[in-house]
Amino acid sequence: VLRTEEDVTKLRRHNGNATENSCHLYGTTFDICYNRYETVE
């Protein structure tokens, strides 16, 4: 969901694909995984 500048800095240390100016920094962006779901029961 929302990433802070501090989060992005830490993430870039072990994830080369992480973007410094991430869309997640602005509170407008989120990721939904497509290979896992939570069953409602």
PDB file of all heavy atoms in Angstrom:
ATOM      1  N   VAL A   1       0.864  -1.187   0.000  1.00  0.00           N
ATOM      2  CA  VAL A   1       0.000   0.000   0.000  1.00  0.00           C
ATOM      3  C   VAL A   1       0.905   1.243   0.000  1.00  0.00           C
ATOM      4  O   VAL A   1       1.754   1.382  -0.877  1.00  0.00           O
ATOM      5  CB  VAL A   1      -0.970  -0.016   1.209  1.00  0.00           C
ATOM      6  CG1 VAL A   1      -2.178   0.869   0.941  1.00  0.00           C
ATOM      7  CG2 VAL A   1      -1.488  -1.439   1.492  1.00  0.00           C
ATOM      8  N   LEU A   2       0.770   2.110   0.971  1.00  0.00           N
ATOM      9  CA  LEU A   2       1.567   3.339   1.025  1.00  0.00           C
ATOM     10  C   LEU A   2       2.984   3.051   1.518  1.00  0.00           C
ATOM     11  O   LEU A   2       3.179   2.412   2.553  1.00  0.00           O
ATOM     12  CB  LEU A   2       0.891   4.349   1.966  1.00  0.00           C
ATOM     13  CG  LEU A   2       1.701   5.595   2.320  1.00  0.00           C
ATOM     14  CD1 LEU A   2       1.846   6.509   1.109  1.00  0.00           C
ATOM     15  CD2 LEU A   2       1.063   6.342   3.484  1.00  0.00           C
ATOM     16  N   ARG A   3       3.968   3.543   0.774  1.00  0.00           N
ATOM     17  CA  ARG A   3       5.360   3.430   1.203  1.00  0.00           C
ATOM     18  C   ARG A   3       5.905   4.807   1.554  1.00  0.00           C
ATOM     19  O   ARG A   3       5.697   5.768   0.818  1.00  0.00           O
ATOM     20  CB  ARG A   3       6.222   2.816   0.094  1.00  0.00           C
ATOM     21  CG  ARG A   3       5.927   1.344  -0.154  1.00  0.00           C
ATOM     22  CD  ARG A   3       6.769   0.788  -1.279  1.00  0.00           C
ATOM     23  NE  ARG A   3       6.370  -0.573  -1.619  1.00  0.00           N
ATOM     24  CZ  ARG A   3       6.679  -1.183  -2.750  1.00  0.00           C
ATOM     25  NH1 ARG A   3       7.403  -0.543  -3.673  1.00  0.00           N
ATOM     26  NH2 ARG A   3       6.283  -2.419  -2.981  1.00  0.00           N
ATOM     27  N   THR A   4       6.618   4.869   2.660  1.00  0.00           N
ATOM     28  CA  THR A   4       7.279   6.116   3.033  1.00  0.00           C
ATOM     29  C   THR A   4       8.631   6.178   2.317  1.00  0.00           C
ATOM     30  O   THR A   4       9.115   5.175   1.772  1.00  0.00           O
ATOM     31  CB  THR A   4       7.496   6.185   4.549  1.00  0.00           C
ATOM     32  OG1 THR A   4       8.457   5.177   4.931  1.00  0.00           O
ATOM     33  CG2 THR A   4       6.186   5.952   5.300  1.00  0.00           C
ATOM     34  N   GLU A   5       9.243   7.348   2.327  1.00  0.00           N
ATOM     35  CA  GLU A   5      10.579   7.481   1.733  1.00  0.00           C
ATOM     36  C   GLU A   5      11.558   6.555   2.441  1.00  0.00           C
ATOM     37  O   GLU A   5      12.458   5.986   1.821  1.00  0.00           O
ATOM     38  CB  GLU A   5      11.040   8.940   1.824  1.00  0.00           C
ATOM     39  CG  GLU A   5      10.263   9.883   0.919  1.00  0.00           C
ATOM     40  CD  GLU A   5      10.777  11.301   0.985  1.00  0.00           C
ATOM     41  OE1 GLU A   5      11.448  11.651   1.985  1.00  0.00           O
ATOM     42  OE2 GLU A   5      10.520  12.084   0.042  1.00  0.00           O
ATOM     43  N   GLU A   6      11.377   6.404   3.731  1.00  0.00           N
ATOM     44  CA  GLU A   6      12.226   5.500   4.523  1.00  0.00           C
ATOM     45  C   GLU A   6      12.032   4.054   4.076  1.00  0.00           C
ATOM     46  O   GLU A   6      13.001   3.289   3.961  1.00  0.00           O
ATOM     47  CB  GLU A   6      11.880   5.659   6.008  1.00  0.00           C
ATOM     48  CG  GLU A   6      12.822   4.971   6.966  1.00  0.00           C
ATOM     49  CD  GLU A   6      12.467   5.269   8.410  1.00  0.00           C
ATOM     50  OE1 GLU A   6      11.574   4.559   8.957  1.00  0.00           O
ATOM     51  OE2 GLU A   6      13.047   6.200   8.973  1.00  0.00           O
ATOM     52  N   ASP A   7      10.792   3.655   3.799  1.00  0.00           N
ATOM     53  CA  ASP A   7      10.497   2.304   3.307  1.00  0.00           C
ATOM     54  C   ASP A   7      11.188   2.047   1.968  1.00  0.00           C
ATOM     55  O   ASP A   7      11.771   0.980   1.754  1.00  0.00           O
ATOM     56  CB  ASP A   7       8.988   2.105   3.133  1.00  0.00           C
ATOM     57  CG  ASP A   7       8.250   2.020   4.455  1.00  0.00           C
ATOM     58  OD1 ASP A   7       8.832   1.501   5.417  1.00  0.00           O
ATOM     59  OD2 ASP A   7       7.102   2.480   4.509  1.00  0.00           O
ATOM     60  N   VAL A   8      11.095   3.016   1.066  1.00  0.00           N
ATOM     61  CA  VAL A   8      11.673   2.856  -0.266  1.00  0.00           C
ATOM     62  C   VAL A   8      13.189   2.722  -0.179  1.00  0.00           C
ATOM     63  O   VAL A   8      13.799   1.897  -0.876  1.00  0.00           O
ATOM     64  CB  VAL A   8      11.286   4.046  -1.170  1.00  0.00           C
ATOM     65  CG1 VAL A   8      12.051   3.994  -2.488  1.00  0.00           C
ATOM     66  CG2 VAL A   8       9.781   4.041  -1.436  1.00  0.00           C
ATOM     67  N   THR A   9      13.816   3.507   0.688  1.00  0.00           N
ATOM     68  CA  THR A   9      15.274   3.434   0.858  1.00  0.00           C
ATOM     69  C   THR A   9      15.694   2.044   1.329  1.00  0.00           C
ATOM     70  O   THR A   9      16.636   1.448   0.798  1.00  0.00           O
ATOM     71  CB  THR A   9      15.751   4.493   1.874  1.00  0.00           C
ATOM     72  OG1 THR A   9      15.408   5.790   1.391  1.00  0.00           O
ATOM     73  CG2 THR A   9      17.263   4.406   2.071  1.00  0.00           C
ATOM     74  N   LYS A  10      14.987   1.498   2.303  1.00  0.00           N
ATOM     75  CA  LYS A  10      15.298   0.162   2.813  1.00  0.00           C
ATOM     76  C   LYS A  10      15.033  -0.902   1.748  1.00  0.00           C
ATOM     77  O   LYS A  10      15.808  -1.852   1.602  1.00  0.00           O
ATOM     78  CB  LYS A  10      14.464  -0.131   4.059  1.00  0.00           C
ATOM     79  CG  LYS A  10      14.844   0.713   5.269  1.00  0.00           C
ATOM     80  CD  LYS A  10      13.953   0.373   6.467  1.00  0.00           C
ATOM     81  CE  LYS A  10      14.323   1.198   7.675  1.00  0.00           C
ATOM     82  NZ  LYS A  10      13.432   0.905   8.848  1.00  0.00           N
ATOM     83  N   LEU A  11      13.948  -0.734   1.008  1.00  0.00           N
ATOM     84  CA  LEU A  11      13.573  -1.715   0.001  1.00  0.00           C
ATOM     85  C   LEU A  11      14.601  -1.778  -1.128  1.00  0.00           C
ATOM     86  O   LEU A  11      14.913  -2.863  -1.640  1.00  0.00           O
ATOM     87  CB  LEU A  11      12.187  -1.374  -0.556  1.00  0.00           C
ATOM     88  CG  LEU A  11      11.509  -2.399  -1.464  1.00  0.00           C
ATOM     89  CD1 LEU A  11      11.291  -3.709  -0.713  1.00  0.00           C
ATOM     90  CD2 LEU A  11      10.177  -1.866  -1.973  1.00  0.00           C
ATOM     91  N   ARG A  12      15.139  -0.644  -1.494  1.00  0.00           N
ATOM     92  CA  ARG A  12      16.100  -0.592  -2.608  1.00  0.00           C
ATOM     93  C   ARG A  12      17.430  -1.268  -2.258  1.00  0.00           C
ATOM     94  O   ARG A  12      18.195  -1.615  -3.150  1.00  0.00           O
ATOM     95  CB  ARG A  12      16.342   0.860  -3.012  1.00  0.00           C
ATOM     96  CG  ARG A  12      15.194   1.440  -3.840  1.00  0.00           C
ATOM     97  CD  ARG A  12      15.375   2.920  -4.100  1.00  0.00           C
ATOM     98  NE  ARG A  12      16.612   3.210  -4.796  1.00  0.00           N
ATOM     99  CZ  ARG A  12      16.790   3.083  -6.124  1.00  0.00           C
ATOM    100  NH1 ARG A  12      15.781   2.673  -6.885  1.00  0.00           N
ATOM    101  NH2 ARG A  12      17.952   3.385  -6.680  1.00  0.00           N
ATOM    102  N   ARG A  13      17.683  -1.481  -0.993  1.00  0.00           N
ATOM    103  CA  ARG A  13      18.927  -2.137  -0.586  1.00  0.00           C
ATOM    104  C   ARG A  13      18.960  -3.611  -0.969  1.00  0.00           C
ATOM    105  O   ARG A  13      20.021  -4.178  -1.220  1.00  0.00           O
ATOM    106  CB  ARG A  13      19.106  -2.005   0.936  1.00  0.00           C
ATOM    107  CG  ARG A  13      19.381  -0.584   1.412  1.00  0.00           C
ATOM    108  CD  ARG A  13      19.381  -0.522   2.922  1.00  0.00           C
ATOM    109  NE  ARG A  13      19.507   0.863   3.388  1.00  0.00           N
ATOM    110  CZ  ARG A  13      19.293   1.234   4.655  1.00  0.00           C
ATOM    111  NH1 ARG A  13      18.949   0.317   5.567  1.00  0.00           N
ATOM    112  NH2 ARG A  13      19.428   2.492   5.005  1.00  0.00           N
ATOM    113  N   HIS A  14      17.767  -4.238  -1.028  1.00  0.00           N
ATOM    114  CA  HIS A  14      17.741  -5.665  -1.370  1.00  0.00           C
ATOM    115  C   HIS A  14      16.826  -5.976  -2.556  1.00  0.00           C
ATOM    116  O   HIS A  14      16.624  -7.131  -2.912  1.00  0.00           O
ATOM    117  CB  HIS A  14      17.306  -6.497  -0.152  1.00  0.00           C
ATOM    118  CG  HIS A  14      15.968  -6.121   0.417  1.00  0.00           C
ATOM    119  ND1 HIS A  14      14.796  -6.582  -0.090  1.00  0.00           N
ATOM    120  CD2 HIS A  14      15.647  -5.309   1.459  1.00  0.00           C
ATOM    121  CE1 HIS A  14      13.783  -6.091   0.612  1.00  0.00           C
ATOM    122  NE2 HIS A  14      14.268  -5.307   1.560  1.00  0.00           N
ATOM    123  N   ASN A  15      16.257  -4.916  -3.152  1.00  0.00           N
ATOM    124  CA  ASN A  15      15.419  -5.121  -4.327  1.00  0.00           C
ATOM    125  C   ASN A  15      15.807  -4.099  -5.398  1.00  0.00           C
ATOM    126  O   ASN A  15      15.412  -2.933  -5.352  1.00  0.00           O
ATOM    127  CB  ASN A  15      13.933  -4.959  -3.959  1.00  0.00           C
ATOM    128  CG  ASN A  15      12.992  -5.254  -5.121  1.00  0.00           C
ATOM    129  OD1 ASN A  15      13.429  -5.415  -6.259  1.00  0.00           O
ATOM    130  ND2 ASN A  15      11.709  -5.323  -4.841  1.00  0.00           N
ATOM    131  N   GLY A  16      16.579  -4.575  -6.364  1.00  0.00           N
ATOM    132  CA  GLY A  16      17.081  -3.684  -7.409  1.00  0.00           C
ATOM    133  C   GLY A  16      15.999  -3.118  -8.295  1.00  0.00           C
ATOM    134  O   GLY A  16      16.200  -2.106  -8.977  1.00  0.00           O
ATOM    135  N   ASN A  17      14.818  -3.763  -8.309  1.00  0.00           N
ATOM    136  CA  ASN A  17      13.716  -3.294  -9.158  1.00  0.00           C
ATOM    137  C   ASN A  17      12.897  -2.188  -8.501  1.00  0.00           C
ATOM    138  O   ASN A  17      12.058  -1.558  -9.154  1.00  0.00           O
ATOM    139  CB  ASN A  17      12.784  -4.470  -9.515  1.00  0.00           C
ATOM    140  CG  ASN A  17      13.478  -5.495 -10.399  1.00  0.00           C
ATOM    141  OD1 ASN A  17      14.267  -5.142 -11.258  1.00  0.00           O
ATOM    142  ND2 ASN A  17      13.183  -6.765 -10.169  1.00  0.00           N
ATOM    143  N   ALA A  18      13.122  -1.965  -7.210  1.00  0.00           N
ATOM    144  CA  ALA A  18      12.362  -0.931  -6.499  1.00  0.00           C
ATOM    145  C   ALA A  18      12.725   0.448  -7.047  1.00  0.00           C
ATOM    146  O   ALA A  18      13.901   0.779  -7.205  1.00  0.00           O
ATOM    147  CB  ALA A  18      12.654  -1.003  -5.004  1.00  0.00           C
ATOM    148  N   THR A  19      11.705   1.251  -7.334  1.00  0.00           N
ATOM    149  CA  THR A  19      11.908   2.579  -7.910  1.00  0.00           C
ATOM    150  C   THR A  19      12.027   3.629  -6.819  1.00  0.00           C
ATOM    151  O   THR A  19      11.248   3.630  -5.853  1.00  0.00           O
ATOM    152  CB  THR A  19      10.722   2.944  -8.832  1.00  0.00           C
ATOM    153  OG1 THR A  19      10.548   1.915  -9.796  1.00  0.00           O
ATOM    154  CG2 THR A  19      10.974   4.250  -9.546  1.00  0.00           C
ATOM    155  N   GLU A  20      12.992   4.523  -6.972  1.00  0.00           N
ATOM    156  CA  GLU A  20      13.204   5.557  -5.959  1.00  0.00           C
ATOM    157  C   GLU A  20      11.997   6.482  -5.860  1.00  0.00           C
ATOM    158  O   GLU A  20      11.561   6.848  -4.770  1.00  0.00           O
ATOM    159  CB  GLU A  20      14.457   6.370  -6.301  1.00  0.00           C
ATOM    160  CG  GLU A  20      14.805   7.399  -5.234  1.00  0.00           C
ATOM    161  CD  GLU A  20      16.095   8.129  -5.534  1.00  0.00           C
ATOM    162  OE1 GLU A  20      16.698   7.860  -6.596  1.00  0.00           O
ATOM    163  OE2 GLU A  20      16.502   8.963  -4.712  1.00  0.00           O
ATOM    164  N   ASN A  21      11.437   6.856  -7.006  1.00  0.00           N
ATOM    165  CA  ASN A  21      10.242   7.694  -7.010  1.00  0.00           C
ATOM    166  C   ASN A  21       9.029   6.804  -7.246  1.00  0.00           C
ATOM    167  O   ASN A  21       8.356   6.871  -8.272  1.00  0.00           O
ATOM    168  CB  ASN A  21      10.342   8.768  -8.096  1.00  0.00           C
ATOM    169  CG  ASN A  21       9.277   9.849  -7.929  1.00  0.00           C
ATOM    170  OD1 ASN A  21       8.692  10.000  -6.861  1.00  0.00           O
ATOM    171  ND2 ASN A  21       9.024  10.583  -8.989  1.00  0.00           N
ATOM    172  N   SER A  22       8.730   5.962  -6.277  1.00  0.00           N
ATOM    173  CA  SER A  22       7.658   4.982  -6.397  1.00  0.00           C
ATOM    174  C   SER A  22       6.289   5.638  -6.327  1.00  0.00           C
ATOM    175  O   SER A  22       6.069   6.597  -5.572  1.00  0.00           O
ATOM    176  CB  SER A  22       7.789   3.945  -5.278  1.00  0.00           C
ATOM    177  OG  SER A  22       6.654   3.121  -5.213  1.00  0.00           O
ATOM    178  N   CYS A  23       5.342   5.099  -7.095  1.00  0.00           N
ATOM    179  CA  CYS A  23       3.949   5.571  -7.028  1.00  0.00           C
ATOM    180  C   CYS A  23       3.365   5.346  -5.636  1.00  0.00           C
ATOM    181  O   CYS A  23       2.467   6.075  -5.203  1.00  0.00           O
ATOM    182  CB  CYS A  23       3.094   4.837  -8.057  1.00  0.00           C
ATOM    183  SG  CYS A  23       3.581   5.098  -9.770  1.00  0.00           S
ATOM    184  N   HIS A  24       3.886   4.347  -4.929  1.00  0.00           N
ATOM    185  CA  HIS A  24       3.387   4.024  -3.593  1.00  0.00           C
ATOM    186  C   HIS A  24       3.649   5.150  -2.585  1.00  0.00           C
ATOM    187  O   HIS A  24       3.035   5.178  -1.518  1.00  0.00           O
ATOM    188  CB  HIS A  24       4.033   2.738  -3.088  1.00  0.00           C
ATOM    189  CG  HIS A  24       3.547   1.493  -3.761  1.00  0.00           C
ATOM    190  ND1 HIS A  24       2.357   0.883  -3.431  1.00  0.00           N
ATOM    191  CD2 HIS A  24       4.095   0.740  -4.750  1.00  0.00           C
ATOM    192  CE1 HIS A  24       2.188  -0.193  -4.192  1.00  0.00           C
ATOM    193  NE2 HIS A  24       3.230  -0.304  -4.995  1.00  0.00           N
ATOM    194  N   LEU A  25       4.538   6.063  -2.920  1.00  0.00           N
ATOM    195  CA  LEU A  25       4.867   7.165  -2.010  1.00  0.00           C
ATOM    196  C   LEU A  25       3.724   8.161  -1.847  1.00  0.00           C
ATOM    197  O   LEU A  25       3.703   8.937  -0.896  1.00  0.00           O
ATOM    198  CB  LEU A  25       6.102   7.912  -2.532  1.00  0.00           C
ATOM    199  CG  LEU A  25       7.451   7.198  -2.379  1.00  0.00           C
ATOM    200  CD1 LEU A  25       8.483   7.841  -3.290  1.00  0.00           C
ATOM    201  CD2 LEU A  25       7.909   7.248  -0.928  1.00  0.00           C
ATOM    202  N   TYR A  26       2.776   8.148  -2.777  1.00  0.00           N
ATOM    203  CA  TYR A  26       1.752   9.193  -2.818  1.00  0.00           C
ATOM    204  C   TYR A  26       0.392   8.747  -2.284  1.00  0.00           C
ATOM    205  O   TYR A  26      -0.567   9.517  -2.319  1.00  0.00           O
ATOM    206  CB  TYR A  26       1.617   9.705  -4.249  1.00  0.00           C
ATOM    207  CG  TYR A  26       2.920  10.272  -4.780  1.00  0.00           C
ATOM    208  CD1 TYR A  26       3.809   9.457  -5.490  1.00  0.00           C
ATOM    209  CD2 TYR A  26       3.265  11.599  -4.549  1.00  0.00           C
ATOM    210  CE1 TYR A  26       5.015   9.968  -5.962  1.00  0.00           C
ATOM    211  CE2 TYR A  26       4.461  12.121  -5.020  1.00  0.00           C
ATOM    212  CZ  TYR A  26       5.346  11.292  -5.728  1.00  0.00           C
ATOM    213  OH  TYR A  26       6.536  11.807  -6.187  1.00  0.00           O
ATOM    214  N   GLY A  27       0.287   7.500  -1.824  1.00  0.00           N
ATOM    215  CA  GLY A  27      -0.976   7.032  -1.252  1.00  0.00           C
ATOM    216  C   GLY A  27      -2.064   6.751  -2.270  1.00  0.00           C
ATOM    217  O   GLY A  27      -3.234   6.638  -1.914  1.00  0.00           O
ATOM    218  N   THR A  28      -1.677   6.634  -3.520  1.00  0.00           N
ATOM    219  CA  THR A  28      -2.639   6.423  -4.610  1.00  0.00           C
ATOM    220  C   THR A  28      -2.568   5.020  -5.186  1.00  0.00           C
ATOM    221  O   THR A  28      -3.367   4.670  -6.062  1.00  0.00           O
ATOM    222  CB  THR A  28      -2.332   7.397  -5.759  1.00  0.00           C
ATOM    223  OG1 THR A  28      -0.965   7.203  -6.159  1.00  0.00           O
ATOM    224  CG2 THR A  28      -2.518   8.834  -5.327  1.00  0.00           C
ATOM    225  N   THR A  29      -1.620   4.236  -4.711  1.00  0.00           N
ATOM    226  CA  THR A  29      -1.255   2.997  -5.400  1.00  0.00           C
ATOM    227  C   THR A  29      -1.261   1.813  -4.448  1.00  0.00           C
ATOM    228  O   THR A  29      -0.876   1.939  -3.275  1.00  0.00           O
ATOM    229  CB  THR A  29       0.151   3.156  -6.026  1.00  0.00           C
ATOM    230  OG1 THR A  29       0.140   4.309  -6.877  1.00  0.00           O
ATOM    231  CG2 THR A  29       0.551   1.937  -6.829  1.00  0.00           C
ATOM    232  N   PHE A  30      -1.697   0.668  -4.954  1.00  0.00           N
ATOM    233  CA  PHE A  30      -1.669  -0.563  -4.156  1.00  0.00           C
ATOM    234  C   PHE A  30      -1.473  -1.753  -5.086  1.00  0.00           C
ATOM    235  O   PHE A  30      -1.711  -1.663  -6.291  1.00  0.00           O
ATOM    236  CB  PHE A  30      -2.956  -0.722  -3.331  1.00  0.00           C
ATOM    237  CG  PHE A  30      -4.227  -0.560  -4.116  1.00  0.00           C
ATOM    238  CD1 PHE A  30      -4.817  -1.646  -4.752  1.00  0.00           C
ATOM    239  CD2 PHE A  30      -4.846   0.679  -4.222  1.00  0.00           C
ATOM    240  CE1 PHE A  30      -5.996  -1.506  -5.480  1.00  0.00           C
ATOM    241  CE2 PHE A  30      -6.024   0.836  -4.943  1.00  0.00           C
ATOM    242  CZ  PHE A  30      -6.595  -0.250  -5.567  1.00  0.00           C
ATOM    243  N   ASP A  31      -1.016  -2.862  -4.511  1.00  0.00           N
ATOM    244  CA  ASP A  31      -0.795  -4.098  -5.257  1.00  0.00           C
ATOM    245  C   ASP A  31      -1.749  -5.170  -4.748  1.00  0.00           C
ATOM    246  O   ASP A  31      -1.916  -5.342  -3.534  1.00  0.00           O
ATOM    247  CB  ASP A  31       0.642  -4.607  -5.081  1.00  0.00           C
ATOM    248  CG  ASP A  31       1.681  -3.635  -5.635  1.00  0.00           C
ATOM    249  OD1 ASP A  31       1.313  -2.776  -6.437  1.00  0.00           O
ATOM    250  OD2 ASP A  31       2.860  -3.753  -5.244  1.00  0.00           O
ATOM    251  N   ILE A  32      -2.372  -5.894  -5.677  1.00  0.00           N
ATOM    252  CA  ILE A  32      -3.212  -7.042  -5.340  1.00  0.00           C
ATOM    253  C   ILE A  32      -2.596  -8.271  -5.986  1.00  0.00           C
ATOM    254  O   ILE A  32      -2.387  -8.297  -7.199  1.00  0.00           O
ATOM    255  CB  ILE A  32      -4.655  -6.859  -5.849  1.00  0.00           C
ATOM    256  CG1 ILE A  32      -5.333  -5.674  -5.145  1.00  0.00           C
ATOM    257  CG2 ILE A  32      -5.468  -8.134  -5.620  1.00  0.00           C
ATOM    258  CD1 ILE A  32      -6.758  -5.422  -5.595  1.00  0.00           C
ATOM    259  N   CYS A  33      -2.286  -9.282  -5.187  1.00  0.00           N
ATOM    260  CA  CYS A  33      -1.664 -10.479  -5.758  1.00  0.00           C
ATOM    261  C   CYS A  33      -2.718 -11.303  -6.494  1.00  0.00           C
ATOM    262  O   CYS A  33      -3.896 -11.294  -6.136  1.00  0.00           O
ATOM    263  CB  CYS A  33      -0.955 -11.305  -4.696  1.00  0.00           C
ATOM    264  SG  CYS A  33      -2.007 -12.081  -3.482  1.00  0.00           S
ATOM    265  N   TYR A  34      -2.275 -12.009  -7.527  1.00  0.00           N
ATOM    266  CA  TYR A  34      -3.223 -12.792  -8.331  1.00  0.00           C
ATOM    267  C   TYR A  34      -3.068 -14.297  -8.134  1.00  0.00           C
ATOM    268  O   TYR A  34      -3.790 -15.076  -8.752  1.00  0.00           O
ATOM    269  CB  TYR A  34      -3.107 -12.434  -9.817  1.00  0.00           C
ATOM    270  CG  TYR A  34      -1.717 -12.509 -10.421  1.00  0.00           C
ATOM    271  CD1 TYR A  34      -1.057 -13.719 -10.591  1.00  0.00           C
ATOM    272  CD2 TYR A  34      -1.072 -11.352 -10.851  1.00  0.00           C
ATOM    273  CE1 TYR A  34       0.200 -13.780 -11.157  1.00  0.00           C
ATOM    274  CE2 TYR A  34       0.185 -11.397 -11.431  1.00  0.00           C
ATOM    275  CZ  TYR A  34       0.826 -12.610 -11.583  1.00  0.00           C
ATOM    276  OH  TYR A  34       2.078 -12.665 -12.147  1.00  0.00           O
ATOM    277  N   ASN A  35      -2.159 -14.721  -7.265  1.00  0.00           N
ATOM    278  CA  ASN A  35      -1.964 -16.159  -7.062  1.00  0.00           C
ATOM    279  C   ASN A  35      -2.320 -16.627  -5.648  1.00  0.00           C
ATOM    280  O   ASN A  35      -2.104 -17.785  -5.304  1.00  0.00           O
ATOM    281  CB  ASN A  35      -0.527 -16.561  -7.394  1.00  0.00           C
ATOM    282  CG  ASN A  35       0.494 -15.645  -6.736  1.00  0.00           C
ATOM    283  OD1 ASN A  35       0.180 -14.959  -5.767  1.00  0.00           O
ATOM    284  ND2 ASN A  35       1.704 -15.627  -7.266  1.00  0.00           N
ATOM    285  N   ARG A  36      -2.860 -15.732  -4.829  1.00  0.00           N
ATOM    286  CA  ARG A  36      -3.315 -16.105  -3.486  1.00  0.00           C
ATOM    287  C   ARG A  36      -4.613 -15.360  -3.172  1.00  0.00           C
ATOM    288  O   ARG A  36      -4.768 -14.199  -3.534  1.00  0.00           O
ATOM    289  CB  ARG A  36      -2.269 -15.749  -2.414  1.00  0.00           C
ATOM    290  CG  ARG A  36      -1.022 -16.583  -2.455  1.00  0.00           C
ATOM    291  CD  ARG A  36      -0.132 -16.297  -1.249  1.00  0.00           C
ATOM    292  NE  ARG A  36       0.402 -14.941  -1.246  1.00  0.00           N
ATOM    293  CZ  ARG A  36       0.165 -14.038  -0.303  1.00  0.00           C
ATOM    294  NH1 ARG A  36      -0.627 -14.328   0.735  1.00  0.00           N
ATOM    295  NH2 ARG A  36       0.701 -12.828  -0.376  1.00  0.00           N
ATOM    296  N   TYR A  37      -5.530 -16.043  -2.450  1.00  0.00           N
ATOM    297  CA  TYR A  37      -6.803 -15.439  -2.059  1.00  0.00           C
ATOM    298  C   TYR A  37      -7.187 -15.969  -0.684  1.00  0.00           C
ATOM    299  O   TYR A  37      -6.785 -17.061  -0.288  1.00  0.00           O
ATOM    300  CB  TYR A  37      -7.907 -15.778  -3.073  1.00  0.00           C
ATOM    301  CG  TYR A  37      -7.581 -15.296  -4.467  1.00  0.00           C
ATOM    302  CD1 TYR A  37      -6.781 -16.061  -5.321  1.00  0.00           C
ATOM    303  CD2 TYR A  37      -8.039 -14.069  -4.921  1.00  0.00           C
ATOM    304  CE1 TYR A  37      -6.452 -15.618  -6.589  1.00  0.00           C
ATOM    305  CE2 TYR A  37      -7.709 -13.609  -6.184  1.00  0.00           C
ATOM    306  CZ  TYR A  37      -6.916 -14.395  -7.012  1.00  0.00           C
ATOM    307  OH  TYR A  37      -6.577 -13.939  -8.260  1.00  0.00           O
ATOM    308  N   GLU A  38      -7.973 -15.200   0.047  1.00  0.00           N
ATOM    309  CA  GLU A  38      -8.433 -15.640   1.364  1.00  0.00           C
ATOM    310  C   GLU A  38      -9.865 -16.158   1.252  1.00  0.00           C
ATOM    311  O   GLU A  38     -10.763 -15.437   0.819  1.00  0.00           O
ATOM    312  CB  GLU A  38      -8.376 -14.483   2.365  1.00  0.00           C
ATOM    313  CG  GLU A  38      -8.760 -14.929   3.772  1.00  0.00           C
ATOM    314  CD  GLU A  38      -8.866 -13.761   4.743  1.00  0.00           C
ATOM    315  OE1 GLU A  38      -9.768 -12.922   4.563  1.00  0.00           O
ATOM    316  OE2 GLU A  38      -8.061 -13.712   5.679  1.00  0.00           O
ATOM    317  N   THR A  39     -10.064 -17.401   1.651  1.00  0.00           N
ATOM    318  CA  THR A  39     -11.397 -18.005   1.594  1.00  0.00           C
ATOM    319  C   THR A  39     -12.295 -17.418   2.668  1.00  0.00           C
ATOM    320  O   THR A  39     -11.887 -17.256   3.816  1.00  0.00           O
ATOM    321  CB  THR A  39     -11.304 -19.534   1.794  1.00  0.00           C
ATOM    322  OG1 THR A  39     -10.392 -20.074   0.855  1.00  0.00           O
ATOM    323  CG2 THR A  39     -12.657 -20.180   1.618  1.00  0.00           C
ATOM    324  N   VAL A  40     -13.507 -17.091   2.290  1.00  0.00           N
ATOM    325  CA  VAL A  40     -14.501 -16.581   3.244  1.00  0.00           C
ATOM    326  C   VAL A  40     -15.352 -17.756   3.688  1.00  0.00           C
ATOM    327  O   VAL A  40     -16.042 -18.376   2.883  1.00  0.00           O
ATOM    328  CB  VAL A  40     -15.391 -15.505   2.586  1.00  0.00           C
ATOM    329  CG1 VAL A  40     -16.460 -15.031   3.563  1.00  0.00           C
ATOM    330  CG2 VAL A  40     -14.546 -14.333   2.118  1.00  0.00           C
ATOM    331  N   GLU A  41     -15.295 -18.066   4.982  1.00  0.00           N
ATOM    332  CA  GLU A  41     -16.073 -19.203   5.485  1.00  0.00           C
ATOM    333  C   GLU A  41     -16.436 -18.994   6.942  1.00  0.00           C
ATOM    334  O   GLU A  41     -15.809 -18.198   7.654  1.00  0.00           O
ATOM    335  CB  GLU A  41     -15.303 -20.511   5.314  1.00  0.00           C
ATOM    336  CG  GLU A  41     -13.933 -20.543   5.964  1.00  0.00           C
ATOM    337  CD  GLU A  41     -13.188 -21.827   5.640  1.00  0.00           C
ATOM    338  OE1 GLU A  41     -13.786 -22.738   5.065  1.00  0.00           O
ATOM    339  OE2 GLU A  41     -11.998 -21.907   5.965  1.00  0.00           O
TER     340      GLU A  41
END
